[in-house]
Every structure is written in structure tokens, then in C-alpha cells.
Protein backbone atom coordinates (compact mmCIF):
# COMPACT_ATOMS: atom_id res chain seq x y z
CA MET A 1 -9.46 17.83 -4.92
CA TRP A 2 -6.87 17.85 -7.73
CA GLN A 3 -7.12 14.07 -7.81
CA SER A 4 -10.91 14.12 -7.90
CA HIS A 5 -11.02 16.70 -10.69
CA TRP A 6 -8.54 14.60 -12.70
CA VAL A 7 -10.67 11.45 -12.28
CA LYS A 8 -13.80 13.41 -13.20
CA ALA A 9 -12.16 14.68 -16.40
CA GLU A 10 -10.93 11.20 -17.36
CA LEU A 11 -14.36 9.64 -16.80
CA GLU A 12 -16.05 12.40 -18.79
CA LYS A 13 -13.76 11.56 -21.73
CA THR A 14 -15.48 8.15 -21.80
CA GLY A 15 -18.93 9.78 -21.84
CA THR A 16 -19.64 9.28 -18.14
CA GLY A 17 -21.38 12.11 -16.28
CA VAL A 18 -19.77 12.99 -12.92
CA GLU A 19 -20.84 15.15 -9.99
CA LEU A 20 -18.16 16.06 -7.44
CA ILE A 21 -19.05 15.98 -3.75
CA GLN A 22 -16.42 17.32 -1.37
CA ILE A 23 -16.14 15.54 1.99
CA LYS A 24 -13.87 16.68 4.82
CA THR A 25 -12.12 13.88 6.70
CA THR A 26 -10.65 13.73 10.20
CA GLY A 27 -7.21 14.28 8.72
CA ASP A 28 -8.39 17.43 6.94
CA ILE A 29 -9.98 18.96 10.03
CA GLN A 30 -7.83 18.08 13.05
CA VAL A 31 -4.32 19.35 13.68
CA GLY A 32 -1.29 17.73 15.29
CA PRO A 33 0.86 14.68 14.49
CA LEU A 34 -1.06 12.11 12.43
CA ALA A 35 -0.41 9.26 14.87
CA GLN A 36 -1.99 11.28 17.70
CA ILE A 37 -5.25 12.16 15.89
CA GLY A 38 -6.25 8.71 14.76
CA GLY A 39 -3.52 7.29 12.56
CA GLN A 40 -4.57 4.85 9.86
CA GLY A 41 -7.68 5.76 7.89
CA ILE A 42 -8.04 9.37 9.01
CA PHE A 43 -8.08 10.57 5.40
CA THR A 44 -10.28 7.76 4.06
CA LYS A 45 -12.79 6.45 6.63
CA ARG A 46 -15.36 9.22 6.12
CA LEU A 47 -15.28 8.60 2.35
CA GLN A 48 -15.85 4.88 2.87
CA ILE A 49 -18.83 5.60 5.13
CA ALA A 50 -20.27 7.83 2.40
CA LEU A 51 -19.92 4.95 -0.06
CA LEU A 52 -21.61 2.47 2.27
CA GLU A 53 -24.47 4.90 2.94
CA ASN A 54 -24.97 5.58 -0.79
CA GLU A 55 -24.07 9.26 -0.50
CA ILE A 56 -21.51 8.75 -3.26
CA ASP A 57 -20.76 6.04 -5.84
CA LEU A 58 -17.00 6.49 -6.12
CA ALA A 59 -14.30 7.57 -3.66
CA VAL A 60 -10.94 8.90 -4.87
CA HIS A 61 -8.15 8.07 -2.44
CA SER A 62 -4.43 8.60 -2.24
CA LEU A 63 -3.67 4.89 -2.01
CA LYS A 64 -0.95 5.37 0.58
CA ASP A 65 -3.64 6.65 2.99
CA LEU A 66 -6.05 3.75 2.46
CA PRO A 67 -5.98 1.01 5.16
CA THR A 68 -4.74 -2.31 3.79
CA ALA A 69 -7.52 -4.32 5.45
CA ASP A 70 -10.10 -4.53 2.68
CA HIS A 71 -13.73 -3.78 3.59
CA PRO A 72 -15.93 -6.72 2.47
CA GLU A 73 -18.55 -4.39 0.99
CA LEU A 74 -16.09 -2.16 -0.87
CA ARG A 75 -13.69 -2.70 -3.76
CA ILE A 76 -10.76 -0.91 -5.37
CA ALA A 77 -12.16 -0.81 -8.89
CA ALA A 78 -9.18 0.87 -10.54
CA VAL A 79 -5.68 2.19 -10.03
CA PRO A 80 -4.87 4.71 -12.81
CA VAL A 81 -1.37 5.14 -14.21
CA ARG A 82 0.90 5.80 -11.27
CA GLU A 83 2.93 8.97 -10.86
CA THR A 84 6.55 8.72 -9.70
CA THR A 85 6.87 7.13 -6.25
CA ALA A 86 9.98 9.09 -5.21
CA ASP A 87 10.26 11.41 -2.23
CA ALA A 88 11.65 14.92 -2.66
CA MET A 89 13.66 17.26 -0.48
CA VAL A 90 12.53 20.86 -0.82
CA SER A 91 14.92 23.54 0.42
CA ASN A 92 15.69 27.13 -0.43
CA ARG A 93 19.34 26.84 0.63
CA TYR A 94 20.55 23.27 0.29
CA ALA A 95 20.84 21.12 -2.84
CA ASP A 96 20.86 17.65 -1.27
CA VAL A 97 20.97 15.74 2.01
CA GLN A 98 24.73 15.78 2.31
CA SER A 99 24.91 19.58 2.04
CA LEU A 100 22.60 20.05 5.04
CA PRO A 101 24.50 21.35 8.10
CA ALA A 102 24.64 19.37 11.34
CA GLY A 103 21.44 19.89 13.32
CA ALA A 104 19.48 21.05 10.27
CA VAL A 105 15.72 21.12 10.94
CA ILE A 106 13.80 18.82 8.60
CA GLY A 107 10.01 18.93 8.38
CA THR A 108 7.97 15.79 7.75
CA GLY A 109 4.73 14.32 9.05
CA SER A 110 5.84 10.80 8.11
CA ILE A 111 7.39 8.31 10.55
CA ARG A 112 8.78 6.41 7.54
CA ARG A 113 10.50 9.48 6.13
CA ALA A 114 11.79 10.57 9.54
CA ALA A 115 13.33 7.15 10.25
CA GLN A 116 15.02 6.97 6.85
CA MET A 117 16.32 10.53 7.07
CA LEU A 118 17.86 9.72 10.44
CA HIS A 119 19.33 6.54 8.98
CA LEU A 120 21.05 8.71 6.36
CA ARG A 121 22.07 11.46 8.77
CA ARG A 122 21.96 10.86 12.52
CA ASP A 123 22.74 14.55 13.16
CA LEU A 124 19.52 15.92 11.65
CA THR A 125 16.67 17.38 13.70
CA ILE A 126 13.27 16.07 12.61
CA LYS A 127 10.17 18.15 13.36
CA ASP A 128 6.55 17.41 12.54
CA ILE A 129 4.83 19.39 9.81
CA ARG A 130 1.19 19.27 8.73
CA GLY A 131 -0.99 20.99 6.16
CA ASN A 132 -1.56 21.09 2.42
CA VAL A 133 1.45 21.20 0.11
CA ASP A 134 1.25 24.99 -0.30
CA THR A 135 0.93 25.41 3.49
CA ARG A 136 4.07 23.33 4.05
CA LEU A 137 5.98 25.24 1.40
CA GLN A 138 4.99 28.50 3.08
CA LYS A 139 6.30 27.23 6.43
CA LEU A 140 9.60 26.43 4.73
CA ASP A 141 9.70 29.87 3.10
CA ASP A 142 8.98 31.48 6.48
CA GLY A 143 12.15 29.91 7.85
CA GLU A 144 10.60 27.31 10.16
CA PHE A 145 12.63 24.53 8.51
CA ASP A 146 15.90 24.13 6.64
CA ALA A 147 14.23 21.57 4.39
CA ILE A 148 11.01 19.58 4.14
CA VAL A 149 10.38 16.15 2.63
CA LEU A 150 7.32 15.57 0.44
CA ALA A 151 6.19 13.14 -2.24
CA CYS A 152 7.33 14.16 -5.71
CA ALA A 153 3.89 13.13 -7.02
CA GLY A 154 2.03 15.76 -5.02
CA LEU A 155 4.47 18.51 -5.96
CA ILE A 156 4.28 17.60 -9.65
CA ARG A 157 0.48 17.35 -9.71
CA LEU A 158 0.06 20.74 -8.05
CA GLY A 159 2.56 22.53 -10.28
CA PHE A 160 5.42 22.76 -7.78
CA LYS A 161 7.95 20.59 -9.63
CA ASP A 162 10.41 23.49 -9.72
CA ARG A 163 10.53 23.47 -5.89
CA ILE A 164 12.15 20.03 -5.82
CA ALA A 165 15.77 20.51 -4.74
CA TYR A 166 16.62 16.82 -4.59
CA GLU A 167 14.87 13.59 -5.59
CA PHE A 168 15.72 10.64 -3.37
CA SER A 169 16.59 7.26 -4.82
CA PRO A 170 14.86 4.19 -3.30
CA ASP A 171 18.20 3.26 -1.72
CA GLU A 172 18.09 6.51 0.25
CA LEU A 173 14.38 6.93 0.98
CA MET A 174 12.22 4.00 0.00
CA PRO A 175 8.67 5.17 -0.84
CA ALA A 176 5.52 4.49 1.13
CA VAL A 177 3.23 1.66 0.13
CA GLY A 178 0.92 3.03 -2.58
CA GLN A 179 2.78 6.33 -2.92
CA GLY A 180 2.05 8.18 -6.15
CA ALA A 181 -1.01 6.02 -6.86
CA LEU A 182 -4.72 6.77 -6.76
CA GLY A 183 -7.22 4.21 -5.54
CA LEU A 184 -10.73 4.45 -7.03
CA GLU A 185 -13.05 2.71 -4.59
CA THR A 186 -16.67 1.64 -5.16
CA ARG A 187 -19.26 -0.55 -3.49
CA ALA A 188 -18.43 -4.19 -4.22
CA GLY A 189 -21.88 -4.89 -5.68
CA ASP A 190 -22.14 -1.75 -7.83
CA THR A 191 -21.36 -3.48 -11.12
CA GLU A 192 -22.25 -0.49 -13.32
CA THR A 193 -19.91 1.92 -11.52
CA ILE A 194 -17.18 -0.73 -11.46
CA ARG A 195 -17.60 -1.18 -15.23
CA LEU A 196 -17.27 2.56 -15.87
CA VAL A 197 -14.39 3.14 -13.45
CA SER A 198 -12.39 0.07 -14.52
CA ARG A 199 -11.68 1.85 -17.83
CA LEU A 200 -9.18 3.98 -15.91
CA ASN A 201 -7.29 0.99 -14.50
CA ASP A 202 -3.63 0.54 -15.38
CA LYS A 203 -2.68 -3.13 -14.93
CA LYS A 204 0.95 -2.52 -14.03
CA SER A 205 0.08 0.11 -11.44
CA PHE A 206 -2.66 -2.14 -10.06
CA HIS A 207 -0.41 -5.20 -9.61
CA ARG A 208 2.34 -3.11 -8.05
CA VAL A 209 0.09 -1.64 -5.36
CA ILE A 210 -1.56 -5.02 -4.70
CA ALA A 211 1.88 -6.44 -3.87
CA GLU A 212 2.77 -3.46 -1.70
CA ARG A 213 -0.51 -3.52 0.20
CA ALA A 214 -0.23 -7.28 0.78
CA LEU A 215 3.23 -6.64 2.21
CA LEU A 216 1.96 -4.02 4.65
CA ARG A 217 -1.08 -6.09 5.61
CA THR A 218 1.06 -9.16 6.35
CA LEU A 219 3.41 -7.06 8.46
CA PHE A 220 0.37 -5.94 10.50
CA ALA A 221 1.62 -2.41 9.88
CA GLY A 222 -0.31 0.74 9.04
CA CYS A 223 0.35 3.59 6.65
CA LEU A 224 2.11 5.49 9.48
CA SER A 225 4.63 2.72 10.19
CA PRO A 226 8.35 2.98 9.33
CA VAL A 227 7.96 0.72 6.28
CA GLY A 228 9.14 1.48 2.75
CA ALA A 229 8.39 -0.45 -0.44
CA ASN A 230 9.57 -0.22 -4.02
CA THR A 231 8.18 -2.17 -6.99
CA SER A 232 8.88 -2.50 -10.69
CA ILE A 233 7.62 -4.72 -13.51
CA GLU A 234 9.68 -6.17 -16.34
CA GLY A 235 7.67 -8.35 -18.70
CA ASP A 236 5.64 -10.73 -16.55
CA ARG A 237 7.97 -10.39 -13.53
CA LEU A 238 7.23 -8.18 -10.55
CA ASP A 239 10.10 -7.06 -8.31
CA LEU A 240 9.39 -5.97 -4.73
CA GLU A 241 11.86 -4.71 -2.16
CA SER A 242 11.05 -3.38 1.26
CA VAL A 243 12.69 -1.91 4.35
CA VAL A 244 11.50 -1.71 7.94
CA LEU A 245 13.31 0.61 10.31
CA SER A 246 13.39 1.49 13.97
CA ARG A 247 11.86 4.91 14.60
CA ASP A 248 15.21 6.49 15.37
CA GLY A 249 16.67 5.14 12.14
CA SER A 250 19.47 3.27 13.89
CA GLN A 251 18.33 -0.20 12.73
CA LYS A 252 17.01 -1.43 9.40
CA VAL A 253 16.05 -4.74 7.80
CA HIS A 254 15.77 -5.11 4.04
CA TYR A 255 14.59 -7.83 1.67
CA ARG A 256 13.98 -8.10 -2.08
CA GLU A 257 12.22 -10.77 -4.14
CA SER A 258 10.71 -11.25 -7.61
CA GLY A 259 7.66 -13.21 -8.70
CA SER A 260 4.90 -13.48 -11.26
CA VAL A 261 2.82 -10.38 -11.89
CA GLU A 262 -0.29 -12.54 -11.57
CA GLN A 263 0.75 -13.53 -8.04
CA SER A 264 1.40 -10.02 -6.76
CA ALA A 265 -0.37 -10.50 -3.42
CA GLU A 266 1.55 -13.70 -2.74
CA LEU A 267 4.82 -11.88 -3.46
CA GLY A 268 3.94 -9.17 -0.96
CA GLU A 269 3.15 -11.77 1.68
CA SER A 270 6.42 -13.61 1.01
CA VAL A 271 8.56 -10.47 1.35
CA ALA A 272 6.76 -9.54 4.57
CA SER A 273 7.40 -13.01 6.02
CA ARG A 274 11.10 -12.69 5.24
CA LEU A 275 11.24 -9.28 6.92
CA ILE A 276 9.49 -10.63 10.00
CA ALA A 277 11.96 -13.52 10.14
CA ALA A 278 14.77 -10.96 10.02
CA GLY A 279 13.40 -9.13 13.07
CA ALA A 280 11.14 -6.44 11.55
CA GLY A 281 8.33 -7.25 13.98
CA ALA A 282 10.28 -5.71 16.87
CA PHE A 283 10.45 -2.34 15.08
CA LEU A 284 6.75 -2.39 14.23
CA ARG A 285 5.69 -3.19 17.79
CA ARG A 286 7.45 -0.04 18.94
CA SER A 287 5.96 2.18 16.21
């Protein structure tokens, strides 16, 4: 809802009238590990159906939750300026990963984060955690976990920046595809809404997520897979690096490549092909 209110305010600055319609998705309603209640698309499918049935004209997604297989009747009309992509460790007692005691209980609902945490520290205990950001923070404060791992973007947007104990570098915890980015989705043929929404598009953010999503799509991996991606743009060059891990964090393949910003999708496909050649497919088949 924070994201939707932000988009509403930005569109209203351009003179566009906006009505917010709240829709509960499978991921909002059901409890349990994400992979067990439907996996990819559980936070986005209901919104896409609402678009296709003309209940709404614009869906606001966290891009990391949006399936990479594009729907032929829908279009990502804009990706606004991206927030930081980093992951954060939140703890009331420990300042960083290395200060955690052996056997420390770490809360995360992400297979990617769990695998990378175990790659850093094989002696950690990973337990699933679900709920809104404030719900997860409360579980930490109640003593259920020694630390939890969340996206910095969500903590910052909701006013919890001061709860960040440690911000991971991409070398430690590589972000999820699309992390920190919003995806504004419309019907492909709705030219008027596309025109209005495209005013919020940030070209650098857009090209970065296009490369990342092409990577994930070519890997035949979903948003719950143990895949990390990190992108940056310098001039007209786009840099993409990615890791794929085994679920237990014991094995990892990594590749990095640069290419033209205008060929962002091709870059993502190229990096994915290199990862597959290095054996990443075996990890993804097990995930």
C-alpha cells in the first residue's frame, strides 16, 4: 500500500486523477513458506487478473515478485527510480554476520537469502519467517530470532531505516532480481494509461531490471530460486553479475559481463547461458 500511495501521489503531480483499489493476493492471505503456498506469482497474479478484466487500469508491483514470463496482453509501462537493492540484517544484539554466535537463529522467507547466509556461515540456523515488515520486526523483538534478513528498500520506505544493523554488500548477499524496484503494469493496448504512467519511468532503472529479468527467465528460474543479480550503469554500459547457489549454500557459480544499455535483455540472456554452462542448472532443478 505504501508503494501504491507513492505512485498515486507521483501521478497526481502530473495532473492525473487516481483512485486506489486494494486487492488481497494469495500471498497476503495464506500463511506458511512461500514455496508451499504457490511460489511464483502469489503476490501478483490476482492483480494481473484485475487488469485483464478491466477492474483496474494500473497494477503496482514489487518487481521482484512479478513472474519473468511476460503476459502478451500486459506491459510494464514504467519502472520508477529504484531504491537501494541491498539486503539488511536486523538484530537487537549483533552488529554484523561475523558477530553472530554459532547456531544463531536467522529468520528469512527467501531461499536466495538463506542459501547465501549459509554460504557465509555454515553454522547458522535458518528458520522461515512470514508477514509484513512490522510483523517480522515484532517477531524479532519477541525473541523468536537472533536476527532477520530483509530488503533495505522496504525498511527505508516504511520508516525503519534505524533498525538496520548491517547492510550486506553484493559480494556477501547478492540481491534478488528486481529488488528495490517497482513495476507499473498496464494492459498492453491501453495507450492512454501507458502515456500517463510512462512519465514515471526511469531509464536506468528500467534497463537494469530488464537485464535481470531476462537473466532469470533464461535460467528458467522463479523469484523463489537461489539466484542473485546485481546491476550498474556507467555511461552507455550496463554491468550484470549473478550467482546461483545450491539450497544449502555449499556450492555457488558466479559470472559477470558488461554490454550496451540498449541490449539489456541480450546481456541477461548471455550471463544466464554462462551460468548454465558452469553448472547452475543442477542447483535450479533441485530448488
